[in-house]
Structures are given as C-alpha cells and as structure tokens.
Protein backbone atom coordinates (compact mmCIF):
# COMPACT_ATOMS: atom_id res chain seq x y z
CA MET A 1 36.00 67.67 -5.10
CA LYS A 2 36.51 66.35 -8.30
CA LEU A 3 39.06 63.11 -7.33
CA ALA A 4 35.85 62.43 -5.10
CA HIS A 5 33.56 62.16 -7.95
CA ARG A 6 35.67 60.72 -10.26
CA GLY A 7 35.97 57.98 -7.21
CA HIS A 8 32.17 57.43 -7.22
CA HIS A 9 32.03 56.46 -11.10
CA LYS A 10 34.89 53.98 -10.55
CA GLN A 11 33.17 52.47 -8.04
CA SER A 12 30.06 52.26 -9.91
CA GLY A 13 31.44 50.88 -12.84
CA LEU A 14 33.05 48.13 -10.60
CA VAL A 15 29.72 47.38 -9.52
CA VAL A 16 28.50 46.92 -12.90
CA ILE A 17 31.16 44.50 -13.31
CA LEU A 18 30.65 42.60 -10.36
CA PHE A 19 26.99 42.46 -10.80
CA THR A 20 27.51 40.93 -14.41
CA ILE A 21 29.71 38.35 -13.62
CA ALA A 22 27.55 37.28 -10.62
CA LEU A 23 24.60 36.98 -12.69
CA THR A 24 26.34 35.09 -15.53
CA VAL A 25 27.54 32.67 -12.78
CA LEU A 26 23.78 32.65 -11.49
CA LEU A 27 22.81 31.94 -14.86
CA GLY A 28 25.31 29.21 -15.54
CA PHE A 29 24.27 27.79 -12.01
CA ALA A 30 20.47 27.65 -13.09
CA ALA A 31 21.41 26.31 -16.45
CA LEU A 32 23.29 23.34 -14.68
CA ALA A 33 20.50 22.58 -12.30
CA ILE A 34 17.81 22.85 -15.12
CA ASP A 35 19.75 20.21 -17.25
CA VAL A 36 20.58 18.22 -14.26
CA ASN A 37 17.20 17.86 -13.41
CA HIS A 38 16.08 17.01 -16.67
CA VAL A 39 18.86 14.29 -16.94
CA VAL A 40 17.76 12.75 -13.46
CA LEU A 41 13.89 13.03 -14.75
CA ASN A 42 14.69 11.27 -17.70
CA LYS A 43 16.74 8.87 -16.23
CA SER A 44 14.32 7.76 -14.21
CA ARG A 45 11.73 7.19 -16.68
CA ILE A 46 14.43 5.39 -18.74
CA GLN A 47 14.58 2.94 -15.61
CA ASN A 48 11.24 2.20 -15.13
CA GLY A 49 11.08 1.26 -18.82
CA VAL A 50 13.36 -0.96 -18.81
CA ASP A 51 12.83 -2.91 -15.40
CA ALA A 52 9.14 -3.15 -16.99
CA ALA A 53 11.02 -4.40 -20.32
CA ALA A 54 13.21 -6.86 -18.12
CA LEU A 55 10.11 -8.02 -15.93
CA ALA A 56 8.26 -8.86 -19.09
CA GLY A 57 11.14 -10.68 -20.59
CA ALA A 58 11.44 -12.83 -17.80
CA VAL A 59 7.84 -13.45 -17.48
CA VAL A 60 7.94 -14.91 -20.99
CA ALA A 61 11.04 -17.13 -20.25
CA ASP A 62 9.31 -18.26 -17.47
CA THR A 63 6.74 -20.56 -19.55
CA GLY A 64 10.08 -22.87 -19.94
CA ASP A 65 9.28 -23.10 -23.86
CA ALA A 66 9.93 -19.70 -25.26
CA THR A 67 12.81 -19.38 -27.55
CA GLN A 68 15.34 -16.32 -27.20
CA SER A 69 13.78 -14.30 -30.31
CA GLN A 70 10.21 -14.26 -28.26
CA ILE A 71 11.80 -13.35 -24.98
CA ALA A 72 13.82 -10.55 -26.55
CA SER A 73 10.33 -9.50 -28.98
CA ALA A 74 8.63 -9.48 -25.38
CA VAL A 75 11.14 -6.74 -24.23
CA LEU A 76 11.28 -4.75 -27.17
CA ALA A 77 7.49 -4.54 -27.42
CA THR A 78 7.57 -2.83 -23.46
CA ILE A 79 10.33 -0.81 -24.53
CA LYS A 80 8.30 0.41 -27.91
CA ASN A 81 4.85 1.04 -25.63
CA TYR A 82 6.56 2.85 -22.94
CA SER A 83 8.32 5.40 -25.22
CA SER A 84 5.32 6.18 -26.66
CA LEU A 85 3.27 7.16 -23.39
CA ASP A 86 2.75 10.65 -22.31
CA GLY A 87 5.67 12.15 -20.92
CA ASN A 88 8.20 10.04 -22.56
CA SER A 89 8.83 12.38 -25.68
CA ASP A 90 12.65 12.91 -24.99
CA ILE A 91 12.62 8.80 -25.16
CA THR A 92 12.80 8.23 -28.75
CA VAL A 93 12.19 4.92 -30.09
CA ASP A 94 11.40 3.77 -33.70
CA GLN A 95 8.22 1.93 -33.54
CA ASP A 96 9.45 -0.26 -36.53
CA VAL A 97 12.58 -1.31 -35.78
CA SER A 98 13.07 -5.27 -34.89
CA PHE A 99 15.75 -7.56 -34.05
CA GLY A 100 17.39 -9.50 -36.70
CA GLU A 101 17.82 -13.24 -37.37
CA GLY A 102 19.74 -14.37 -34.26
CA SER A 103 20.63 -10.87 -32.98
CA LEU A 104 20.03 -9.56 -29.65
CA SER A 105 20.91 -6.30 -29.90
CA LEU A 106 19.35 -3.38 -31.70
CA LYS A 107 19.56 0.69 -32.25
CA LEU A 108 16.68 1.92 -31.18
CA SER A 109 17.29 5.33 -32.60
CA ASP A 110 19.95 7.21 -33.97
CA LYS A 111 22.19 6.57 -30.92
CA ALA A 112 20.24 4.84 -28.54
CA THR A 113 21.13 0.93 -28.74
CA LEU A 114 19.03 -2.27 -27.00
CA LYS A 115 20.90 -5.24 -25.85
CA ILE A 116 19.40 -8.33 -24.17
CA GLN A 117 21.53 -11.17 -22.45
CA PHE A 118 20.42 -14.23 -20.60
CA SER A 119 21.83 -16.20 -17.85
CA ASN A 120 21.18 -18.84 -15.39
CA ASP A 121 22.89 -17.00 -12.57
CA PRO A 122 21.62 -13.30 -11.76
CA THR A 123 25.01 -12.47 -10.94
CA SER A 124 26.91 -13.02 -14.29
CA PHE A 125 26.15 -11.81 -17.40
CA PRO A 126 26.49 -12.92 -19.98
CA GLY A 127 26.30 -16.56 -18.57
CA VAL A 128 25.26 -20.00 -19.35
CA VAL A 129 22.20 -20.78 -20.50
CA GLY A 130 20.64 -23.99 -19.79
CA SER A 131 16.84 -25.22 -20.94
CA ASN A 132 16.16 -26.97 -17.67
CA ASP A 133 17.60 -24.02 -15.16
CA ASP A 134 16.20 -20.72 -14.29
CA THR A 135 16.68 -17.85 -16.87
CA TYR A 136 17.32 -14.50 -16.06
CA VAL A 137 17.09 -11.72 -18.12
CA ARG A 138 19.32 -8.69 -18.57
CA VAL A 139 17.95 -5.91 -20.39
CA GLU A 140 20.49 -2.55 -21.51
CA VAL A 141 19.35 0.83 -23.28
CA THR A 142 22.47 3.19 -23.84
CA ASP A 143 22.87 6.36 -25.14
CA VAL A 144 19.53 7.81 -25.19
CA ALA A 145 19.74 11.24 -26.29
CA LEU A 146 18.25 14.06 -24.55
CA GLU A 147 17.27 17.49 -25.69
CA SER A 148 19.92 19.85 -24.44
CA PHE A 149 18.77 23.48 -22.80
CA LEU A 150 21.11 26.23 -21.75
CA ILE A 151 24.41 23.77 -21.55
CA GLY A 152 23.83 23.39 -25.43
CA ILE A 153 25.16 26.97 -25.75
CA LEU A 154 28.57 25.46 -24.40
CA GLY A 155 28.53 22.44 -27.16
CA ILE A 156 27.61 19.65 -24.30
CA GLY A 157 25.05 17.19 -25.26
CA LYS A 158 23.29 15.18 -22.49
CA SER A 159 21.98 11.19 -22.84
CA VAL A 160 21.18 8.81 -20.19
CA SER A 161 21.67 4.76 -20.01
CA ALA A 162 19.65 2.22 -17.81
CA SER A 163 19.91 -1.55 -17.11
CA ALA A 164 17.66 -4.42 -15.36
CA VAL A 165 17.91 -7.77 -14.57
CA ALA A 166 14.66 -9.81 -13.66
CA GLY A 167 13.95 -13.46 -13.01
CA PRO A 168 12.56 -16.22 -10.94
CA SER A 169 12.72 -15.54 -7.01
CA SER A 170 13.97 -18.27 -4.24
CA SER A 171 10.83 -19.82 -2.98
CA VAL A 172 8.69 -18.74 -0.29
CA GLU A 173 8.84 -18.12 3.58
CA GLN A 174 5.64 -16.07 3.68
CA THR A 175 3.12 -15.55 1.02
CA CYS A 176 -0.02 -14.01 0.53
CA ASN A 177 -3.27 -14.01 -1.80
CA LEU A 178 -3.62 -18.23 -1.01
CA VAL A 179 -6.44 -20.10 -2.07
CA PRO A 180 -7.94 -20.91 0.84
CA MET A 181 -7.32 -24.63 0.66
CA ALA A 182 -5.24 -26.96 1.95
CA ALA A 183 -3.61 -30.63 1.22
CA CYS A 184 -2.42 -32.95 3.62
CA ALA A 185 1.57 -33.63 3.17
CA VAL A 186 2.69 -37.03 1.87
CA ASP A 187 5.94 -36.63 3.73
CA GLY A 188 5.77 -33.81 6.68
CA ASN A 189 9.47 -33.53 6.58
CA ASP A 190 9.71 -32.25 3.26
CA SER A 191 10.25 -28.63 3.15
CA LYS A 192 10.03 -28.40 -0.77
CA ASN A 193 7.22 -30.54 -2.15
CA GLY A 194 5.64 -32.18 1.03
CA GLY A 195 6.27 -35.44 -0.25
CA TYR A 196 4.21 -34.88 -3.68
CA THR A 197 5.80 -36.03 -6.85
CA VAL A 198 4.93 -33.60 -10.35
CA GLY A 199 1.69 -34.92 -11.69
CA GLN A 200 0.45 -36.35 -8.79
CA GLU A 201 -3.25 -36.24 -8.42
CA GLN A 202 -4.58 -34.55 -5.73
CA GLU A 203 -8.58 -34.13 -4.14
CA LEU A 204 -8.04 -30.94 -2.90
CA LYS A 205 -11.46 -30.82 -1.48
CA SER A 206 -13.60 -33.83 -1.05
CA SER A 207 -17.53 -34.55 -1.20
CA SER A 208 -17.25 -36.12 2.36
CA TRP A 209 -15.03 -35.23 5.10
CA LYS A 210 -14.82 -38.88 6.03
CA GLU A 211 -12.69 -39.06 2.63
CA HIS A 212 -10.52 -36.04 3.50
CA ASP A 213 -6.86 -36.34 4.36
CA ILE A 214 -7.65 -34.10 7.41
CA GLN A 215 -9.87 -36.67 9.06
CA ALA A 216 -11.33 -34.10 11.28
CA PRO A 217 -15.17 -34.15 11.64
CA GLY A 218 -17.03 -31.44 9.20
CA ASN A 219 -13.63 -30.59 7.58
CA PHE A 220 -13.50 -30.74 3.88
CA GLY A 221 -10.42 -29.08 3.32
CA LEU A 222 -11.09 -25.46 3.64
CA LEU A 223 -8.98 -23.17 5.50
CA ASP A 224 -10.52 -20.39 7.79
CA PHE A 225 -8.62 -17.32 6.62
CA LEU A 226 -11.63 -15.28 6.90
CA ASP A 227 -14.13 -13.87 9.78
CA ASP A 228 -17.21 -13.53 7.16
CA HIS A 229 -17.40 -16.41 5.39
CA SER A 230 -19.52 -14.70 3.22
CA VAL A 231 -17.02 -13.47 1.30
CA LEU A 232 -15.24 -17.09 0.89
CA ARG A 233 -16.13 -17.16 -2.94
CA ASP A 234 -14.30 -14.10 -3.96
CA HIS A 235 -11.28 -15.62 -1.67
CA LEU A 236 -11.61 -18.68 -3.66
CA ALA A 237 -11.43 -16.69 -6.85
CA GLY A 238 -8.10 -14.92 -5.63
CA GLY A 239 -9.41 -12.03 -3.40
CA TYR A 240 -7.48 -13.05 -0.35
CA LYS A 241 -5.08 -10.67 1.07
CA GLY A 242 -3.36 -12.04 4.09
CA CYS A 243 -0.16 -13.94 4.36
CA LEU A 244 0.82 -16.94 6.03
CA THR A 245 4.14 -18.00 7.04
CA ILE A 246 5.37 -21.32 6.56
CA GLY A 247 6.11 -23.39 10.00
CA GLU A 248 3.01 -21.60 11.51
CA ASN A 249 -0.34 -23.20 12.53
CA VAL A 250 -3.33 -22.72 10.30
CA GLY A 251 -7.08 -23.31 11.08
CA VAL A 252 -9.93 -25.03 8.91
CA LYS A 253 -13.32 -23.98 8.11
CA PRO A 254 -15.92 -26.41 8.80
CA GLY A 255 -18.80 -27.37 6.27
CA GLY A 256 -18.79 -28.14 2.58
CA SER A 257 -20.01 -24.67 1.02
CA ILE A 258 -20.13 -26.21 -2.39
CA GLY A 259 -22.05 -23.52 -4.14
CA ASN A 260 -18.92 -20.67 -3.26
CA VAL A 261 -16.10 -23.25 -3.77
CA ALA A 262 -17.78 -23.91 -7.16
CA ALA A 263 -18.52 -19.93 -7.93
CA GLY A 264 -15.03 -18.87 -6.84
CA LEU A 265 -12.90 -21.39 -8.39
CA ASN A 266 -14.62 -21.58 -11.46
CA THR A 267 -14.10 -18.05 -12.20
CA ARG A 268 -10.60 -19.48 -13.90
CA PHE A 269 -13.09 -21.52 -16.46
CA ASP A 270 -14.59 -18.55 -17.70
CA ASP A 271 -17.70 -18.77 -15.56
CA ASP A 272 -18.68 -15.65 -14.11
CA SER A 273 -14.98 -14.30 -14.68
CA SER A 274 -14.14 -10.70 -14.17
CA GLU A 275 -11.38 -8.09 -14.71
CA GLU A 276 -10.47 -8.64 -11.36
CA TYR A 277 -10.83 -12.16 -11.41
CA PRO A 278 -10.05 -13.50 -14.96
CA SER A 279 -10.63 -16.88 -16.39
CA ASP A 280 -7.64 -18.53 -17.55
CA LYS A 281 -6.45 -18.49 -21.18
CA TRP A 282 -7.45 -22.33 -21.77
CA ILE A 283 -10.46 -23.89 -20.11
CA GLY A 284 -10.76 -27.39 -21.32
CA GLU A 285 -10.68 -30.61 -18.93
CA GLY A 286 -7.05 -32.20 -19.00
CA THR A 287 -3.71 -32.30 -17.29
CA TYR A 288 -0.98 -29.88 -17.27
CA SER A 289 0.33 -31.33 -20.09
CA ASP A 290 -3.02 -31.29 -22.00
CA TYR A 291 -2.99 -27.66 -20.86
CA GLU A 292 0.30 -26.68 -22.12
CA ASP A 293 -0.08 -28.60 -25.54
CA ALA A 294 -3.54 -26.62 -26.19
CA LEU A 295 -2.06 -23.32 -25.64
CA VAL A 296 1.04 -23.77 -27.93
CA ASN A 297 -0.90 -25.43 -30.72
CA GLU A 298 -4.37 -23.03 -30.07
CA THR A 299 -6.18 -26.19 -31.62
CA ASP A 300 -8.88 -26.13 -29.37
CA SER A 301 -10.32 -22.95 -30.00
CA ASN A 302 -13.93 -23.63 -28.47
CA ASN A 303 -11.94 -23.60 -25.18
CA TYR A 304 -9.43 -20.92 -25.37
CA ILE A 305 -10.12 -17.68 -24.15
CA ASP A 306 -8.10 -14.57 -25.69
CA ASP A 307 -8.23 -12.03 -22.76
CA GLY A 308 -7.49 -14.67 -20.05
CA GLU A 309 -4.76 -14.55 -17.99
CA LEU A 310 -2.03 -17.71 -17.91
CA TYR A 311 -1.92 -20.10 -15.41
CA ARG A 312 -4.97 -19.05 -13.28
CA ARG A 313 -6.01 -22.60 -12.82
CA THR A 314 -3.09 -23.31 -10.73
CA LEU A 315 -3.89 -22.59 -7.10
CA GLN A 316 -1.22 -21.85 -4.39
CA ILE A 317 -2.15 -23.42 -1.54
CA PRO A 318 -0.53 -24.45 2.10
CA ILE A 319 0.64 -28.12 2.54
CA ILE A 320 -0.03 -29.06 6.01
CA ASP A 321 1.43 -31.34 8.45
CA CYS A 322 -1.88 -33.26 9.14
CA SER A 323 -0.08 -35.84 11.48
CA LYS A 324 0.65 -33.06 13.61
CA GLY A 325 -3.08 -31.48 13.68
CA SER A 326 -5.08 -31.03 16.80
CA GLY A 327 -8.53 -30.21 17.74
CA SER A 328 -11.81 -30.82 15.70
CA GLY A 329 -13.93 -28.96 13.62
CA ASN A 330 -13.47 -25.24 13.69
CA GLY A 331 -11.09 -25.63 16.37
CA TYR A 332 -8.70 -27.92 14.25
CA SER A 333 -5.06 -26.69 13.09
CA ALA A 334 -2.32 -27.82 11.85
CA PRO A 335 1.32 -26.37 10.90
CA VAL A 336 2.34 -25.22 7.63
CA VAL A 337 4.87 -27.23 5.43
CA THR A 338 5.11 -25.50 2.46
CA ILE A 339 3.30 -23.86 -0.28
CA GLY A 340 2.17 -25.99 -3.00
CA CYS A 341 0.96 -25.72 -6.67
CA PHE A 342 -1.63 -27.36 -7.79
CA PHE A 343 -3.32 -27.37 -10.91
CA MET A 344 -7.19 -27.68 -11.60
CA LYS A 345 -7.86 -30.35 -14.04
CA LYS A 346 -11.59 -29.57 -14.53
CA PRO A 347 -14.37 -27.21 -12.98
CA ALA A 348 -15.25 -28.06 -9.49
CA PRO A 349 -18.78 -29.55 -9.06
CA SER A 350 -21.59 -26.99 -8.46
CA ASN A 351 -23.22 -29.78 -6.48
CA ASN A 352 -22.82 -32.94 -4.48
CA GLY A 353 -24.87 -35.03 -7.23
CA SER A 354 -21.54 -36.17 -8.27
CA LYS A 355 -19.57 -37.08 -5.21
CA GLU A 356 -16.55 -35.38 -6.89
CA GLY A 357 -14.59 -32.87 -5.05
CA VAL A 358 -11.81 -30.64 -6.62
CA ILE A 359 -9.41 -32.69 -8.77
CA ALA A 360 -6.05 -31.04 -9.13
CA GLU A 361 -2.37 -32.42 -10.22
CA TYR A 362 0.73 -31.44 -8.53
CA ARG A 363 2.99 -29.01 -9.99
CA PRO A 364 6.72 -28.19 -8.94
CA ASN A 365 6.53 -24.26 -8.84
CA CYS A 366 4.60 -21.63 -9.84
CA LEU A 367 3.89 -17.62 -9.42
CA VAL A 368 2.73 -15.67 -6.88
CA ASN A 369 1.40 -12.01 -6.34
CA ASN A 370 2.83 -11.44 -3.33
CA ALA A 371 5.45 -13.04 -0.81
CA SER A 372 8.66 -12.46 1.05
CA PHE A 373 11.46 -15.00 0.06
CA GLY A 374 14.53 -16.61 1.55
CA GLN A 375 18.01 -16.40 1.03
CA THR A 376 18.35 -19.81 -0.66
CA PRO A 377 17.40 -20.45 -4.38
CA SER A 378 15.26 -23.40 -4.73
CA ASP A 379 13.55 -25.19 -7.91
CA SER A 380 10.57 -25.82 -6.27
CA GLY A 381 7.22 -24.22 -4.22
CA ALA A 382 6.01 -20.85 -4.86
CA TYR A 383 8.02 -18.07 -6.43
CA LYS A 384 7.58 -14.74 -8.24
CA ILE A 385 9.52 -13.03 -11.14
CA GLN A 386 11.36 -9.86 -9.52
CA LEU A 387 14.21 -7.21 -10.14
CA TYR A 388 17.63 -7.87 -8.98
CA LYS A 389 20.78 -6.02 -8.75
CA ASP A 390 22.51 -5.83 -12.13
CA PRO A 391 26.02 -6.98 -11.63
CA VAL A 392 27.21 -5.25 -14.76
CA GLY A 393 25.29 -1.83 -14.39
CA SER A 394 24.16 0.50 -12.57
CA GLY A 395 20.37 -0.57 -13.02
CA ALA A 396 17.81 -2.37 -10.48
C-alpha cells in the first residue's frame, strides 16, 4: 500500500511538470501571436502611409515643373501627417526633420529612414529622369521600430519597412466622370488625339446648332448621358458617374441648355462653387500657358483662389467621329475615337447675347478620377496617377 501511495505522488508531480511545460509553451505561442499581429497591423498602417506619400509625390511631379526637392517635400509632409493620426502612435516621426540641400534621404526617427527615388520607368529604380518624360516616384521607409510585448523578454526587437511606387498610368480605354460634351474628331483615324494639335482652339458647345461640327439638327455639342436632364448642371460641374468605352457609340442631347451649361461649367470659375464642385485655383481668362504662369508666379491675386483645385478647368470629354455619325435630333450617335482634354479659356456664357459658345484649348493629356487602362503606355489622352508594383521592395 505504501508503494502505491508513493507512485500516486510521483504521478502528481509529473502532471505538475507537464502542465508547467504546456503552460509555458502556450504562453510562448500567445506572446508570438500578440507580437506577430502587432507587426502585421503596423506593417499595413505604414504601407498605407507610404502609398499615400508616393501618390502625393507623383501628383506634384506630374505638374511638369516641380523640382525633386518640391516632390520630396510633398512626400515628407504626407508621411508626417500620417504618423500624427490617431492609431499610428507606434510610427514615430520627428515632425521637425527636413531634407538637406540636394538630399533625397533622411532619418525620420532614431532608426527609421526615408528614401525617395525617381525614374522614367516604373520597373527600374533608381533610373534615368528626363524632364520631358513621365516621372515615377518611389518612396521607401525602413526600420520603423515597434514596441515589443512578450517577445521583448527574449531580447528580440521588432521593426517594419514599406515601399511604394506611383506615377501616371497609360491612356484610358474606358473612363468615367466625364463632362457630357463632345468634340468632333479632326482625324477619326487618330486614336491618340483625334487629329487635334496642342494649343488648338475649339468651340465645345456652339451658340447655334448650324455652326457646330456635329451638323445634326438641334444638337449643340452636349451628350445624352442622362435620363433625367434636370441634373445636367451637376453633371457639367463634374458629377457624372457613368462610364464610356473607346469605340462605342454615344448619343447626343438636343437643345442649347445655356443656363444649365453655364451653371455647371462655371463652378470651375468660383461661380456657385462648393466642396463637391470646387473652383479652379486660377480663374482668369487666358490660354493654358497664361494659367501655368499665373499659378507659378501668383501675381494675379484677384483671380487666385486659395482653396481651389488645380486643373478643374481642364475638361475630359469624348472626341467622336462625326463623319460616321448617324441619325438626327436625339437619335443621333457617333463612335468615340478617344478621350480628349480641353482647357476652358474663359467662363461659359450665361445667355445667348454674345453669340459665343464654350471656348477651350486642346491639351495633350489630363487626369481622370475613375478609369480602366490599356497595357500600352501612351503620352497622350486622359490618364490617372496610380500605384505600381515596386520592382525593388515588397510594397505596392
């Protein structure tokens, strides 16, 4: 009986040992799970911040006249802003840091480093940068130190890194958020520009249908994008959400609708503008060259809108092949050749007294908010700023 009693005590001791080992293993797995999830969460957060920074830099680069220093400053400002948001306390950035003269790399904190690279090819960094070519921006943030929880007992530290590449896309095959107006192609076989040359003046909407290139009774150059014509003003202001595909036929809307046309288009000239439909930053009359000069020099203060949105005056509209159009009135339709970019030189007339239409200047390219794109890069037509797969790191 005594031997059996001693065996019982031995078994109890073994159970305690096994329980202790199992508990230690479970605590180890729990520690690993907590710290791994913490790393994954903050990796996602910093990737979002770096994505936003790369896009911000690419938007500045896309203006065509920004220096690398100005682009880098936009990237850094975005990183600083992102790190200061609630929930990003682990991503510590010294808010006073700035790039040194000619430098594209700096310390964000004791360990973290920000590096910016440029290239004319989104698949090669660092790369050659030509002033007349598309510029792609690569942003990399490395060694962002994170707080360690249970694995800190083992002397193991944690850090995350992220990178992203952003720049202009290829030209669109399908685009949305268009302005419901049309321009007849000068050359229906030119799938890039529709036969237009840079700087060419075009009357987008005529004061008389007989003077418009469409040459269909009752048509003044407006497109029939909508079932409810009462929202024409909002659609002309930038509120149209539908999409259009290159090569498909598009119908037109009969009637001049002078009041709605002016009310919608002229939101770009600080006329009844809103947060949803903001004014452009410069609203003076003139060419695109005048517009760019005014933005750079900011000398025309009376026509400068501080809270305006750049390039609102550039309209993205279909260029249609009117030589292949058929029908009349609201039955007229023609195939879309490409998406054109037209800069409004002055506000649209609010009445027919001046006998003027909507006067614009053709531009080689412009940004769109929502579109699908082909595989072949192009230097003309509508495009957007987008993220690319980073050929160097593991970012976007």
